Amino acid sequence: MKRCMFVDDSSVIRKVAKRILGGSEMVIIEAASGLDALEMCAADMPDIIVVDGALPDIAAVDLIRRVRAMESSIKPQILVSLVELDIASIMRAKRAGAQGYLLKPFNRSQLLERFRALRIAPDSVAVSVSRKSA
């Protein structure tokens, strides 16, 4: 079972993501701050991390770099979550170790499509999205 951490100071964003992605094949872990996320990653590294691009306590690129520097057998896929398409922010996040980005607010199809494009959607979700788009 994959573990996905959503790091966002907005409880609404975390809850929406949990409703969309949570299920029998993926566990959603919530962190309200970057420092909480770092502690949680040090204890048990998730498979996927979605980082708010505007955390109040730590810059997203610093969080990404610190996660990448941790000793772990799991090398998580990381997305930065942004409120607007900002190429400079996306490039900084990628240089820090992120694989991509996600625009918010997101809906079910946008979130699932982004996870599917990175091949990190749960299998049952990927199949249902494929059938809907066919």
C-alpha atoms as a PDB file:
ATOM      1  CA  MET A   1       0.000   0.000   0.000  1.00  0.00           C
ATOM      2  CA  LYS A   2       1.395   3.410  -1.006  1.00  0.00           C
ATOM      3  CA  ARG A   3       1.639   6.227   1.504  1.00  0.00           C
ATOM      4  CA  CYS A   4       1.114   9.815   0.357  1.00  0.00           C
ATOM      5  CA  MET A   5       1.808  12.844   2.531  1.00  0.00           C
ATOM      6  CA  PHE A   6       0.051  16.153   1.877  1.00  0.00           C
ATOM      7  CA  VAL A   7       1.954  19.029   3.467  1.00  0.00           C
ATOM      8  CA  ASP A   8      -0.309  22.074   3.515  1.00  0.00           C
ATOM      9  CA  ASP A   9      -1.349  24.546   6.181  1.00  0.00           C
ATOM     10  CA  SER A  10      -4.899  24.441   4.750  1.00  0.00           C
ATOM     11  CA  SER A  11      -6.957  21.709   6.390  1.00  0.00           C
ATOM     12  CA  VAL A  12      -9.425  21.977   3.481  1.00  0.00           C
ATOM     13  CA  ILE A  13      -6.757  21.073   0.886  1.00  0.00           C
ATOM     14  CA  ARG A  14      -5.609  18.129   3.023  1.00  0.00           C
ATOM     15  CA  LYS A  15      -9.160  16.850   3.535  1.00  0.00           C
ATOM     16  CA  VAL A  16     -10.071  17.130  -0.158  1.00  0.00           C
ATOM     17  CA  ALA A  17      -6.929  15.221  -1.129  1.00  0.00           C
ATOM     18  CA  LYS A  18      -7.667  12.558   1.482  1.00  0.00           C
ATOM     19  CA  ARG A  19     -11.217  12.095   0.166  1.00  0.00           C
ATOM     20  CA  ILE A  20     -10.053  11.818  -3.434  1.00  0.00           C
ATOM     21  CA  LEU A  21      -6.997   9.608  -2.990  1.00  0.00           C
ATOM     22  CA  GLY A  22      -7.590   7.715   0.240  1.00  0.00           C
ATOM     23  CA  GLY A  23      -8.774   4.158  -0.037  1.00  0.00           C
ATOM     24  CA  SER A  24      -7.703   0.563   0.023  1.00  0.00           C
ATOM     25  CA  GLU A  25      -4.549   1.155  -2.065  1.00  0.00           C
ATOM     26  CA  MET A  26      -3.282   4.482  -0.729  1.00  0.00           C
ATOM     27  CA  VAL A  27      -3.021   5.935   2.768  1.00  0.00           C
ATOM     28  CA  ILE A  28      -3.032   9.723   3.006  1.00  0.00           C
ATOM     29  CA  ILE A  29      -0.953  11.292   5.756  1.00  0.00           C
ATOM     30  CA  GLU A  30      -1.482  14.927   6.660  1.00  0.00           C
ATOM     31  CA  ALA A  31       1.102  17.452   7.831  1.00  0.00           C
ATOM     32  CA  ALA A  32       0.025  21.014   8.654  1.00  0.00           C
ATOM     33  CA  SER A  33       3.569  22.399   8.562  1.00  0.00           C
ATOM     34  CA  GLY A  34       6.919  21.745   6.970  1.00  0.00           C
ATOM     35  CA  LEU A  35       8.553  20.977  10.304  1.00  0.00           C
ATOM     36  CA  ASP A  36       5.834  18.406  11.106  1.00  0.00           C
ATOM     37  CA  ALA A  37       6.423  16.863   7.677  1.00  0.00           C
ATOM     38  CA  LEU A  38      10.174  16.582   8.285  1.00  0.00           C
ATOM     39  CA  GLU A  39       9.609  14.822  11.611  1.00  0.00           C
ATOM     40  CA  MET A  40       7.120  12.432  10.024  1.00  0.00           C
ATOM     41  CA  CYS A  41       9.456  11.695   7.084  1.00  0.00           C
ATOM     42  CA  ALA A  42      12.354  10.999   9.455  1.00  0.00           C
ATOM     43  CA  ALA A  43      10.187   8.492  11.344  1.00  0.00           C
ATOM     44  CA  ASP A  44       8.592   6.795   8.316  1.00  0.00           C
ATOM     45  CA  MET A  45       9.243   8.068   4.776  1.00  0.00           C
ATOM     46  CA  PRO A  46       6.122   8.158   2.556  1.00  0.00           C
ATOM     47  CA  ASP A  47       6.153   7.073  -1.111  1.00  0.00           C
ATOM     48  CA  ILE A  48       4.734  10.388  -2.351  1.00  0.00           C
ATOM     49  CA  ILE A  49       4.890  13.896  -0.902  1.00  0.00           C
ATOM     50  CA  VAL A  50       2.839  16.873  -2.088  1.00  0.00           C
ATOM     51  CA  VAL A  51       4.325  20.088  -0.667  1.00  0.00           C
ATOM     52  CA  ASP A  52       2.521  23.418  -0.503  1.00  0.00           C
ATOM     53  CA  GLY A  53       4.641  25.974  -2.346  1.00  0.00           C
ATOM     54  CA  ALA A  54       3.870  28.618   0.303  1.00  0.00           C
ATOM     55  CA  LEU A  55       4.296  26.986   3.696  1.00  0.00           C
ATOM     56  CA  PRO A  56       4.469  29.528   6.535  1.00  0.00           C
ATOM     57  CA  ASP A  57       7.322  27.847   8.433  1.00  0.00           C
ATOM     58  CA  ILE A  58       9.779  26.618   5.783  1.00  0.00           C
ATOM     59  CA  ALA A  59      10.317  27.246   2.076  1.00  0.00           C
ATOM     60  CA  ALA A  60       9.106  24.377  -0.106  1.00  0.00           C
ATOM     61  CA  VAL A  61      12.518  24.010  -1.781  1.00  0.00           C
ATOM     62  CA  ASP A  62      14.209  23.742   1.623  1.00  0.00           C
ATOM     63  CA  LEU A  63      11.735  21.063   2.689  1.00  0.00           C
ATOM     64  CA  ILE A  64      12.327  19.146  -0.550  1.00  0.00           C
ATOM     65  CA  ARG A  65      16.118  19.362  -0.151  1.00  0.00           C
ATOM     66  CA  ARG A  66      15.942  18.207   3.469  1.00  0.00           C
ATOM     67  CA  VAL A  67      13.734  15.248   2.566  1.00  0.00           C
ATOM     68  CA  ARG A  68      16.109  14.305  -0.272  1.00  0.00           C
ATOM     69  CA  ALA A  69      19.051  14.445   2.164  1.00  0.00           C
ATOM     70  CA  MET A  70      17.441  11.959   4.574  1.00  0.00           C
ATOM     71  CA  GLU A  71      18.737   8.402   4.759  1.00  0.00           C
ATOM     72  CA  SER A  72      15.868   6.170   3.645  1.00  0.00           C
ATOM     73  CA  SER A  73      15.312   3.112   1.505  1.00  0.00           C
ATOM     74  CA  ILE A  74      12.269   4.952   0.095  1.00  0.00           C
ATOM     75  CA  LYS A  75      12.955   7.755  -2.373  1.00  0.00           C
ATOM     76  CA  PRO A  76       9.598   9.543  -2.539  1.00  0.00           C
ATOM     77  CA  GLN A  77       8.159  11.211  -5.588  1.00  0.00           C
ATOM     78  CA  ILE A  78       7.595  14.849  -4.701  1.00  0.00           C
ATOM     79  CA  LEU A  79       5.182  17.384  -6.168  1.00  0.00           C
ATOM     80  CA  VAL A  80       5.039  21.071  -5.293  1.00  0.00           C
ATOM     81  CA  SER A  81       1.513  22.463  -4.972  1.00  0.00           C
ATOM     82  CA  LEU A  82       1.024  26.015  -6.290  1.00  0.00           C
ATOM     83  CA  VAL A  83      -1.889  28.460  -6.520  1.00  0.00           C
ATOM     84  CA  GLU A  84      -0.690  29.782  -9.877  1.00  0.00           C
ATOM     85  CA  LEU A  85       1.493  28.554 -12.698  1.00  0.00           C
ATOM     86  CA  ASP A  86       4.904  29.957 -11.761  1.00  0.00           C
ATOM     87  CA  ILE A  87       7.664  28.499 -13.936  1.00  0.00           C
ATOM     88  CA  ALA A  88      10.442  29.887 -11.691  1.00  0.00           C
ATOM     89  CA  SER A  89       8.948  28.195  -8.605  1.00  0.00           C
ATOM     90  CA  ILE A  90       8.477  24.937 -10.499  1.00  0.00           C
ATOM     91  CA  MET A  91      12.077  24.990 -11.731  1.00  0.00           C
ATOM     92  CA  ARG A  92      13.432  25.738  -8.235  1.00  0.00           C
ATOM     93  CA  ALA A  93      11.394  22.831  -6.850  1.00  0.00           C
ATOM     94  CA  LYS A  94      12.647  20.505  -9.597  1.00  0.00           C
ATOM     95  CA  ARG A  95      16.267  21.521  -8.966  1.00  0.00           C
ATOM     96  CA  ALA A  96      15.664  20.743  -5.274  1.00  0.00           C
ATOM     97  CA  GLY A  97      14.409  17.253  -6.177  1.00  0.00           C
ATOM     98  CA  ALA A  98      10.700  17.476  -7.025  1.00  0.00           C
ATOM     99  CA  GLN A  99       9.307  15.542  -9.997  1.00  0.00           C
ATOM    100  CA  GLY A 100       6.541  17.988 -10.854  1.00  0.00           C
ATOM    101  CA  TYR A 101       3.811  20.316  -9.697  1.00  0.00           C
ATOM    102  CA  LEU A 102       0.109  20.427  -8.946  1.00  0.00           C
ATOM    103  CA  LEU A 103      -2.111  23.495  -9.247  1.00  0.00           C
ATOM    104  CA  LYS A 104      -4.616  24.198  -6.497  1.00  0.00           C
ATOM    105  CA  PRO A 105      -7.391  24.347  -5.851  1.00  0.00           C
ATOM    106  CA  PHE A 106      -7.743  21.019  -7.614  1.00  0.00           C
ATOM    107  CA  ASN A 107     -10.698  18.803  -8.313  1.00  0.00           C
ATOM    108  CA  ARG A 108     -10.879  15.014  -8.482  1.00  0.00           C
ATOM    109  CA  SER A 109     -10.027  14.677 -12.175  1.00  0.00           C
ATOM    110  CA  GLN A 110      -7.105  17.159 -11.987  1.00  0.00           C
ATOM    111  CA  LEU A 111      -5.541  15.445  -8.975  1.00  0.00           C
ATOM    112  CA  LEU A 112      -5.969  11.949 -10.373  1.00  0.00           C
ATOM    113  CA  GLU A 113      -4.628  12.985 -13.775  1.00  0.00           C
ATOM    114  CA  ARG A 114      -1.502  14.482 -12.190  1.00  0.00           C
ATOM    115  CA  PHE A 115      -0.921  11.311 -10.145  1.00  0.00           C
ATOM    116  CA  ARG A 116      -1.595   9.136 -13.186  1.00  0.00           C
ATOM    117  CA  ALA A 117       0.835  11.138 -15.337  1.00  0.00           C
ATOM    118  CA  LEU A 118       3.549  10.450 -12.764  1.00  0.00           C
ATOM    119  CA  ARG A 119       2.427   6.820 -12.508  1.00  0.00           C
ATOM    120  CA  ILE A 120       1.672   7.165  -8.797  1.00  0.00           C
ATOM    121  CA  ALA A 121      -2.104   6.818  -8.805  1.00  0.00           C
ATOM    122  CA  PRO A 122      -3.472   3.751  -7.052  1.00  0.00           C
ATOM    123  CA  ASP A 123      -4.152   1.021  -9.638  1.00  0.00           C
ATOM    124  CA  SER A 124      -7.927   1.051  -9.167  1.00  0.00           C
ATOM    125  CA  VAL A 125      -8.009   4.842  -9.567  1.00  0.00           C
ATOM    126  CA  ALA A 126      -5.803   4.771 -12.672  1.00  0.00           C
ATOM    127  CA  VAL A 127      -8.094   2.201 -14.282  1.00  0.00           C
ATOM    128  CA  SER A 128     -11.269   4.167 -13.528  1.00  0.00           C
ATOM    129  CA  VAL A 129      -9.722   7.403 -14.849  1.00  0.00           C
ATOM    130  CA  SER A 130      -8.590   5.625 -18.042  1.00  0.00           C
ATOM    131  CA  ARG A 131     -12.076   4.254 -18.648  1.00  0.00           C
ATOM    132  CA  LYS A 132     -13.696   7.665 -18.150  1.00  0.00           C
ATOM    133  CA  SER A 133     -11.357   9.369 -20.595  1.00  0.00           C
ATOM    134  CA  ALA A 134     -11.749   6.672 -23.264  1.00  0.00           C
END
